[in-house]
C-alpha atoms as a PDB file:
ATOM      1  CA  MET A   1      65.337 135.392-187.103  1.00  0.00           C
ATOM      2  CA  GLU A   2      63.060 132.332-188.105  1.00  0.00           C
ATOM      3  CA  LYS A   3      59.278 132.783-187.487  1.00  0.00           C
ATOM      4  CA  PRO A   4      58.572 129.481-184.976  1.00  0.00           C
ATOM      5  CA  THR A   5      56.273 127.439-186.971  1.00  0.00           C
ATOM      6  CA  GLN A   6      53.281 125.179-185.272  1.00  0.00           C
ATOM      7  CA  LYS A   7      56.117 122.422-186.344  1.00  0.00           C
ATOM      8  CA  GLN A   8      58.658 123.756-184.381  1.00  0.00           C
ATOM      9  CA  GLY A   9      56.887 124.627-181.804  1.00  0.00           C
ATOM     10  CA  GLN A  10      54.018 124.017-179.296  1.00  0.00           C
ATOM     11  CA  GLN A  11      51.087 126.538-179.393  1.00  0.00           C
ATOM     12  CA  ASP A  12      50.209 127.264-175.703  1.00  0.00           C
ATOM     13  CA  LYS A  13      46.246 126.902-175.389  1.00  0.00           C
ATOM     14  CA  ALA A  14      45.295 130.530-174.005  1.00  0.00           C
ATOM     15  CA  GLY A  15      45.610 131.448-177.662  1.00  0.00           C
ATOM     16  CA  THR A  16      47.772 134.007-176.388  1.00  0.00           C
ATOM     17  CA  GLY A  17      50.529 133.728-179.620  1.00  0.00           C
ATOM     18  CA  ILE A  18      52.956 132.499-177.054  1.00  0.00           C
ATOM     19  CA  VAL A  19      55.061 129.789-178.569  1.00  0.00           C
ATOM     20  CA  VAL A  20      57.319 127.386-176.211  1.00  0.00           C
ATOM     21  CA  PRO A  21      60.326 126.928-177.926  1.00  0.00           C
ATOM     22  CA  GLN A  22      61.733 122.780-179.180  1.00  0.00           C
ATOM     23  CA  ARG A  23      64.734 121.495-178.345  1.00  0.00           C
ATOM     24  CA  ARG A  24      66.351 122.822-181.557  1.00  0.00           C
ATOM     25  CA  MET A  25      64.645 126.133-181.694  1.00  0.00           C
ATOM     26  CA  PHE A  26      65.146 126.824-178.247  1.00  0.00           C
ATOM     27  CA  LEU A  27      68.971 126.681-178.454  1.00  0.00           C
ATOM     28  CA  ARG A  28      68.968 129.265-181.171  1.00  0.00           C
ATOM     29  CA  TYR A  29      67.815 131.762-178.978  1.00  0.00           C
ATOM     30  CA  ALA A  30      71.100 131.523-177.445  1.00  0.00           C
ATOM     31  CA  GLY A  31      72.844 132.493-180.846  1.00  0.00           C
ATOM     32  CA  ALA A  32      74.148 135.215-179.306  1.00  0.00           C
ATOM     33  CA  THR A  33      76.393 133.931-176.212  1.00  0.00           C
ATOM     34  CA  ALA A  34      78.230 131.125-178.185  1.00  0.00           C
ATOM     35  CA  LEU A  35      79.603 134.500-180.916  1.00  0.00           C
ATOM     36  CA  ALA A  36      80.252 135.644-177.393  1.00  0.00           C
ATOM     37  CA  THR A  37      81.938 133.140-176.528  1.00  0.00           C
ATOM     38  CA  THR A  38      84.509 133.378-179.242  1.00  0.00           C
ATOM     39  CA  LEU A  39      85.294 137.120-178.709  1.00  0.00           C
ATOM     40  CA  LEU A  40      85.606 136.816-174.897  1.00  0.00           C
ATOM     41  CA  LEU A  41      88.029 134.433-175.199  1.00  0.00           C
ATOM     42  CA  THR A  42      89.981 136.538-177.357  1.00  0.00           C
ATOM     43  CA  THR A  43      89.681 139.480-174.665  1.00  0.00           C
ATOM     44  CA  SER A  44      91.997 139.040-171.682  1.00  0.00           C
ATOM     45  CA  CYS A  45      90.948 140.852-168.341  1.00  0.00           C
ATOM     46  CA  ASP A  46      92.709 144.146-167.740  1.00  0.00           C
ATOM     47  CA  ASP A  47      95.131 144.407-164.435  1.00  0.00           C
ATOM     48  CA  ASP A  48      93.377 146.465-162.139  1.00  0.00           C
ATOM     49  CA  ASP A  49      95.838 149.033-160.485  1.00  0.00           C
ATOM     50  CA  ASP A  50      93.062 149.987-158.474  1.00  0.00           C
ATOM     51  CA  GLU A  51      93.966 149.693-154.191  1.00  0.00           C
ATOM     52  CA  THR A  52      91.776 146.724-153.227  1.00  0.00           C
ATOM     53  CA  MET A  53      90.500 146.614-149.576  1.00  0.00           C
ATOM     54  CA  PRO A  54      91.474 143.537-147.232  1.00  0.00           C
ATOM     55  CA  THR A  55      89.147 140.895-146.101  1.00  0.00           C
ATOM     56  CA  ASP A  56      89.750 137.853-143.847  1.00  0.00           C
ATOM     57  CA  PRO A  57      91.502 135.339-146.010  1.00  0.00           C
ATOM     58  CA  GLU A  58      87.754 132.278-145.875  1.00  0.00           C
ATOM     59  CA  THR A  59      86.012 135.515-147.817  1.00  0.00           C
ATOM     60  CA  VAL A  60      86.197 134.952-151.262  1.00  0.00           C
ATOM     61  CA  ASP A  61      87.119 138.392-152.509  1.00  0.00           C
ATOM     62  CA  LEU A  62      85.243 139.868-156.592  1.00  0.00           C
ATOM     63  CA  GLY A  63      87.837 141.902-156.945  1.00  0.00           C
ATOM     64  CA  SER A  64      87.764 145.253-158.644  1.00  0.00           C
ATOM     65  CA  GLY A  65      87.988 147.010-162.055  1.00  0.00           C
ATOM     66  CA  ASP A  66      85.895 144.989-164.441  1.00  0.00           C
ATOM     67  CA  THR A  67      87.804 141.500-163.063  1.00  0.00           C
ATOM     68  CA  GLY A  68      85.418 142.385-160.110  1.00  0.00           C
ATOM     69  CA  ILE A  69      82.463 142.368-162.316  1.00  0.00           C
ATOM     70  CA  LEU A  70      82.953 139.147-164.640  1.00  0.00           C
ATOM     71  CA  ASN A  71      84.103 137.875-161.510  1.00  0.00           C
ATOM     72  CA  TYR A  72      80.473 139.021-160.098  1.00  0.00           C
ATOM     73  CA  ALA A  73      78.895 137.143-162.812  1.00  0.00           C
ATOM     74  CA  TYR A  74      81.388 134.266-163.021  1.00  0.00           C
ATOM     75  CA  ALA A  75      79.997 134.025-159.191  1.00  0.00           C
ATOM     76  CA  LEU A  76      75.813 133.614-159.974  1.00  0.00           C
ATOM     77  CA  GLU A  77      76.242 131.660-163.043  1.00  0.00           C
ATOM     78  CA  GLN A  78      78.114 129.318-160.939  1.00  0.00           C
ATOM     79  CA  LEU A  79      74.997 129.678-158.893  1.00  0.00           C
ATOM     80  CA  GLU A  80      72.312 129.197-161.706  1.00  0.00           C
ATOM     81  CA  ALA A  81      74.538 126.772-163.284  1.00  0.00           C
ATOM     82  CA  ALA A  82      74.686 124.344-160.544  1.00  0.00           C
ATOM     83  CA  PHE A  83      71.021 124.253-159.773  1.00  0.00           C
ATOM     84  CA  TYR A  84      69.792 123.563-163.544  1.00  0.00           C
ATOM     85  CA  ALA A  85      72.536 120.621-162.721  1.00  0.00           C
ATOM     86  CA  GLU A  86      70.222 119.348-159.628  1.00  0.00           C
ATOM     87  CA  VAL A  87      67.069 119.808-161.847  1.00  0.00           C
ATOM     88  CA  VAL A  88      68.666 117.477-164.494  1.00  0.00           C
ATOM     89  CA  ALA A  89      69.857 115.107-162.136  1.00  0.00           C
ATOM     90  CA  LYS A  90      67.494 114.742-159.702  1.00  0.00           C
ATOM     91  CA  SER A  91      63.814 116.343-160.962  1.00  0.00           C
ATOM     92  CA  LEU A  92      63.347 116.089-164.679  1.00  0.00           C
ATOM     93  CA  GLY A  93      61.080 113.145-164.786  1.00  0.00           C
ATOM     94  CA  MET A  94      57.964 115.250-162.836  1.00  0.00           C
ATOM     95  CA  PHE A  95      58.485 117.894-166.020  1.00  0.00           C
ATOM     96  CA  SER A  96      56.519 117.087-169.388  1.00  0.00           C
ATOM     97  CA  GLN A  97      58.301 116.139-172.487  1.00  0.00           C
ATOM     98  CA  THR A  98      58.416 119.476-173.739  1.00  0.00           C
ATOM     99  CA  GLU A  99      59.790 121.125-170.341  1.00  0.00           C
ATOM    100  CA  GLN A 100      62.413 118.857-169.699  1.00  0.00           C
ATOM    101  CA  GLN A 101      63.693 119.480-172.935  1.00  0.00           C
ATOM    102  CA  ILE A 102      63.734 123.804-171.633  1.00  0.00           C
ATOM    103  CA  MET A 103      65.843 122.753-168.578  1.00  0.00           C
ATOM    104  CA  GLN A 104      68.003 120.642-169.932  1.00  0.00           C
ATOM    105  CA  ASP A 105      68.225 123.705-172.670  1.00  0.00           C
ATOM    106  CA  LEU A 106      68.686 125.974-169.622  1.00  0.00           C
ATOM    107  CA  LYS A 107      71.263 123.434-168.274  1.00  0.00           C
ATOM    108  CA  GLY A 108      73.351 124.081-170.971  1.00  0.00           C
ATOM    109  CA  HIS A 109      73.090 127.798-171.511  1.00  0.00           C
ATOM    110  CA  GLU A 110      74.375 128.421-167.989  1.00  0.00           C
ATOM    111  CA  GLY A 111      77.448 125.837-167.825  1.00  0.00           C
ATOM    112  CA  ILE A 112      78.083 127.709-171.433  1.00  0.00           C
ATOM    113  CA  HIS A 113      78.526 131.234-169.546  1.00  0.00           C
ATOM    114  CA  ARG A 114      79.561 130.267-166.242  1.00  0.00           C
ATOM    115  CA  ASP A 115      82.361 127.864-168.608  1.00  0.00           C
ATOM    116  CA  PHE A 116      83.817 130.773-170.744  1.00  0.00           C
ATOM    117  CA  LEU A 117      83.915 133.423-167.887  1.00  0.00           C
ATOM    118  CA  LYS A 118      86.040 131.479-166.257  1.00  0.00           C
ATOM    119  CA  ALA A 119      87.807 131.443-168.958  1.00  0.00           C
ATOM    120  CA  ALA A 120      87.785 134.259-169.796  1.00  0.00           C
ATOM    121  CA  LEU A 121      88.928 135.565-166.756  1.00  0.00           C
ATOM    122  CA  GLY A 122      92.312 132.820-166.040  1.00  0.00           C
ATOM    123  CA  ASN A 123      94.351 133.516-163.162  1.00  0.00           C
ATOM    124  CA  ALA A 124      91.812 135.963-161.798  1.00  0.00           C
ATOM    125  CA  ALA A 125      89.045 133.909-161.447  1.00  0.00           C
ATOM    126  CA  ILE A 126      87.718 133.060-158.166  1.00  0.00           C
ATOM    127  CA  PRO A 127      87.461 129.701-156.771  1.00  0.00           C
ATOM    128  CA  ASP A 128      84.517 127.121-157.472  1.00  0.00           C
ATOM    129  CA  LEU A 129      81.879 127.877-154.674  1.00  0.00           C
ATOM    130  CA  GLU A 130      80.235 125.761-153.125  1.00  0.00           C
ATOM    131  CA  VAL A 131      76.441 125.900-153.089  1.00  0.00           C
ATOM    132  CA  ASP A 132      73.654 124.798-150.432  1.00  0.00           C
ATOM    133  CA  PHE A 133      70.384 123.763-152.367  1.00  0.00           C
ATOM    134  CA  SER A 134      68.894 122.798-148.629  1.00  0.00           C
ATOM    135  CA  THR A 135      65.830 125.146-148.640  1.00  0.00           C
ATOM    136  CA  ILE A 136      64.860 123.196-152.371  1.00  0.00           C
ATOM    137  CA  ASN A 137      62.392 120.615-152.322  1.00  0.00           C
ATOM    138  CA  PHE A 138      63.631 118.743-155.843  1.00  0.00           C
ATOM    139  CA  ASN A 139      60.831 116.995-155.118  1.00  0.00           C
ATOM    140  CA  ASP A 140      58.290 119.394-155.420  1.00  0.00           C
ATOM    141  CA  LYS A 141      57.647 120.985-159.648  1.00  0.00           C
ATOM    142  CA  ASN A 142      55.926 124.272-157.862  1.00  0.00           C
ATOM    143  CA  ASN A 143      59.492 124.590-155.371  1.00  0.00           C
ATOM    144  CA  ILE A 144      61.906 123.916-158.647  1.00  0.00           C
ATOM    145  CA  LEU A 145      59.961 127.003-160.835  1.00  0.00           C
ATOM    146  CA  ALA A 146      59.483 129.063-158.032  1.00  0.00           C
ATOM    147  CA  THR A 147      63.124 128.998-157.252  1.00  0.00           C
ATOM    148  CA  ALA A 148      64.131 128.960-161.046  1.00  0.00           C
ATOM    149  CA  ARG A 149      62.531 132.423-161.159  1.00  0.00           C
ATOM    150  CA  THR A 150      64.097 133.009-158.164  1.00  0.00           C
ATOM    151  CA  PHE A 151      67.502 132.817-159.907  1.00  0.00           C
ATOM    152  CA  GLU A 152      66.934 134.349-163.357  1.00  0.00           C
ATOM    153  CA  ASP A 153      65.120 137.393-162.251  1.00  0.00           C
ATOM    154  CA  LEU A 154      68.322 137.648-159.943  1.00  0.00           C
ATOM    155  CA  GLY A 155      70.751 137.256-162.867  1.00  0.00           C
ATOM    156  CA  VAL A 156      69.185 139.818-165.736  1.00  0.00           C
ATOM    157  CA  ALA A 157      68.585 142.625-162.181  1.00  0.00           C
ATOM    158  CA  ALA A 158      72.251 141.942-161.911  1.00  0.00           C
ATOM    159  CA  TYR A 159      73.657 142.216-165.318  1.00  0.00           C
ATOM    160  CA  ASN A 160      71.439 145.075-165.410  1.00  0.00           C
ATOM    161  CA  GLY A 161      72.884 146.728-162.438  1.00  0.00           C
ATOM    162  CA  ALA A 162      76.244 146.282-162.972  1.00  0.00           C
ATOM    163  CA  GLY A 163      77.001 147.178-166.559  1.00  0.00           C
ATOM    164  CA  GLN A 164      76.922 150.057-165.962  1.00  0.00           C
ATOM    165  CA  TYR A 165      80.569 149.648-164.413  1.00  0.00           C
ATOM    166  CA  LEU A 166      82.054 147.898-166.632  1.00  0.00           C
ATOM    167  CA  GLU A 167      84.786 150.029-168.353  1.00  0.00           C
ATOM    168  CA  ASN A 168      85.937 147.390-171.636  1.00  0.00           C
ATOM    169  CA  ALA A 169      83.243 148.473-174.387  1.00  0.00           C
ATOM    170  CA  GLY A 170      83.855 144.721-175.637  1.00  0.00           C
ATOM    171  CA  PHE A 171      83.213 143.101-171.894  1.00  0.00           C
ATOM    172  CA  LEU A 172      79.658 145.383-171.587  1.00  0.00           C
ATOM    173  CA  THR A 173      78.810 144.116-175.185  1.00  0.00           C
ATOM    174  CA  LEU A 174      78.770 140.674-174.053  1.00  0.00           C
ATOM    175  CA  ALA A 175      77.197 141.073-170.623  1.00  0.00           C
ATOM    176  CA  GLY A 176      74.269 143.050-172.565  1.00  0.00           C
ATOM    177  CA  LYS A 177      74.008 139.432-175.048  1.00  0.00           C
ATOM    178  CA  ILE A 178      74.318 137.616-172.268  1.00  0.00           C
ATOM    179  CA  VAL A 179      71.586 139.248-170.517  1.00  0.00           C
ATOM    180  CA  SER A 180      69.788 138.962-173.120  1.00  0.00           C
ATOM    181  CA  VAL A 181      69.888 135.351-173.061  1.00  0.00           C
ATOM    182  CA  GLU A 182      69.182 135.663-169.331  1.00  0.00           C
ATOM    183  CA  ALA A 183      65.895 137.225-169.722  1.00  0.00           C
ATOM    184  CA  ARG A 184      64.757 134.540-172.509  1.00  0.00           C
ATOM    185  CA  HIS A 185      65.021 132.072-169.760  1.00  0.00           C
ATOM    186  CA  ALA A 186      63.183 133.934-167.268  1.00  0.00           C
ATOM    187  CA  ALA A 187      60.457 134.673-169.300  1.00  0.00           C
ATOM    188  CA  VAL A 188      59.953 131.106-170.541  1.00  0.00           C
ATOM    189  CA  ILE A 189      59.890 129.898-166.398  1.00  0.00           C
ATOM    190  CA  ARG A 190      57.508 132.194-165.726  1.00  0.00           C
ATOM    191  CA  ASP A 191      55.096 131.158-168.705  1.00  0.00           C
ATOM    192  CA  LEU A 192      55.666 127.783-167.517  1.00  0.00           C
ATOM    193  CA  ILE A 193      54.070 128.822-163.939  1.00  0.00           C
ATOM    194  CA  SER A 194      51.415 131.099-165.346  1.00  0.00           C
ATOM    195  CA  ASN A 195      50.978 131.457-168.850  1.00  0.00           C
ATOM    196  CA  GLY A 196      50.507 134.865-170.418  1.00  0.00           C
ATOM    197  CA  THR A 197      53.235 135.582-166.905  1.00  0.00           C
ATOM    198  CA  PHE A 198      56.000 135.707-168.486  1.00  0.00           C
ATOM    199  CA  SER A 199      56.175 139.724-168.852  1.00  0.00           C
ATOM    200  CA  ASP A 200      55.560 141.278-165.442  1.00  0.00           C
ATOM    201  CA  THR A 201      58.792 141.848-164.144  1.00  0.00           C
ATOM    202  CA  ALA A 202      59.289 145.071-166.341  1.00  0.00           C
ATOM    203  CA  ASP A 203      57.726 147.994-165.446  1.00  0.00           C
ATOM    204  CA  ASN A 204      55.854 150.698-166.693  1.00  0.00           C
ATOM    205  CA  MET A 205      58.612 151.510-169.431  1.00  0.00           C
ATOM    206  CA  GLY A 206      59.033 147.521-170.261  1.00  0.00           C
ATOM    207  CA  LEU A 207      62.322 147.779-168.658  1.00  0.00           C
ATOM    208  CA  ASP A 208      63.809 144.663-165.882  1.00  0.00           C
ATOM    209  CA  PRO A 209      64.316 145.832-163.066  1.00  0.00           C
ATOM    210  CA  ALA A 210      68.051 146.146-162.356  1.00  0.00           C
ATOM    211  CA  MET A 211      70.165 145.803-158.769  1.00  0.00           C
ATOM    212  CA  MET A 212      73.334 146.720-157.290  1.00  0.00           C
ATOM    213  CA  PRO A 213      75.859 143.734-156.479  1.00  0.00           C
ATOM    214  CA  ALA A 214      75.730 144.397-152.401  1.00  0.00           C
ATOM    215  CA  ASP A 215      71.630 143.256-152.726  1.00  0.00           C
ATOM    216  CA  VAL A 216      71.969 140.489-155.382  1.00  0.00           C
ATOM    217  CA  LEU A 217      74.531 139.010-153.205  1.00  0.00           C
ATOM    218  CA  GLN A 218      72.773 139.429-150.024  1.00  0.00           C
ATOM    219  CA  ALA A 219      69.983 137.482-152.111  1.00  0.00           C
ATOM    220  CA  ALA A 220      71.694 134.907-153.534  1.00  0.00           C
ATOM    221  CA  ALA A 221      73.346 134.504-150.010  1.00  0.00           C
ATOM    222  CA  PRO A 222      71.314 131.282-148.912  1.00  0.00           C
ATOM    223  CA  PHE A 223      72.653 129.067-151.452  1.00  0.00           C
ATOM    224  CA  ILE A 224      75.829 129.866-151.093  1.00  0.00           C
ATOM    225  CA  LYS A 225      78.267 128.325-148.508  1.00  0.00           C
ATOM    226  CA  ASN A 226      80.773 130.832-149.053  1.00  0.00           C
ATOM    227  CA  LYS A 227      81.743 134.381-147.855  1.00  0.00           C
ATOM    228  CA  ILE A 228      81.776 136.756-151.185  1.00  0.00           C
ATOM    229  CA  SER A 229      82.856 140.372-150.608  1.00  0.00           C
ATOM    230  CA  ALA A 230      82.472 143.080-153.168  1.00  0.00           C
ATOM    231  CA  ASN A 231      83.947 145.402-151.225  1.00  0.00           C
ATOM    232  CA  ASN A 232      86.313 146.195-153.751  1.00  0.00           C
ATOM    233  CA  LEU A 233      83.659 146.579-156.957  1.00  0.00           C
ATOM    234  CA  PRO A 234      83.215 149.689-158.750  1.00  0.00           C
ATOM    235  CA  LYS A 235      80.795 152.420-157.104  1.00  0.00           C
END
């Protein structure tokens, strides 16, 4: 991969070697996702033969098998895409020019993730979720960045935890590509909050944490008005 030069990015003042990428350079980070889009859309979700547990008709049931896992990812991507759309629409002016470019890139990436998961799921996709951002102060830059950190860290942990349940090797590969982009998002947001903290989530083995679907959905619940059931996901 081509290394960013000082013309392509802005060197941080702390001299750590961390480069804040400009818009075009940052979009290269999502190259794997662009490839994943093509591959994923050529592979249809298999029908699941597993028996499912009945749910309340007002509850959004993610489903079972690989379809359930992809719907789980789709639900989280809906949340992230909606959040960054709000940031770009309401709060862009409080960020520097470089930060504005990053926020616009994040909005674009999450929208791509959301849209191709929906297309891949086809008729098996859960409906559009109704988000609740009433606790987020979009007039407070620090609150926006803190929320972005929460969503990005949650997304990475969700993919890390659910990937083991995917049976289709192609889906597992694609999930790995998406989570690599999400991890870059998390790193950039952390560095915007405090320079040099981009890897603070890693453990002593250099690995990001993993969370199970029930825990992830509980953490995301305050931001989603719909009740979501993961009862039929693989365990």
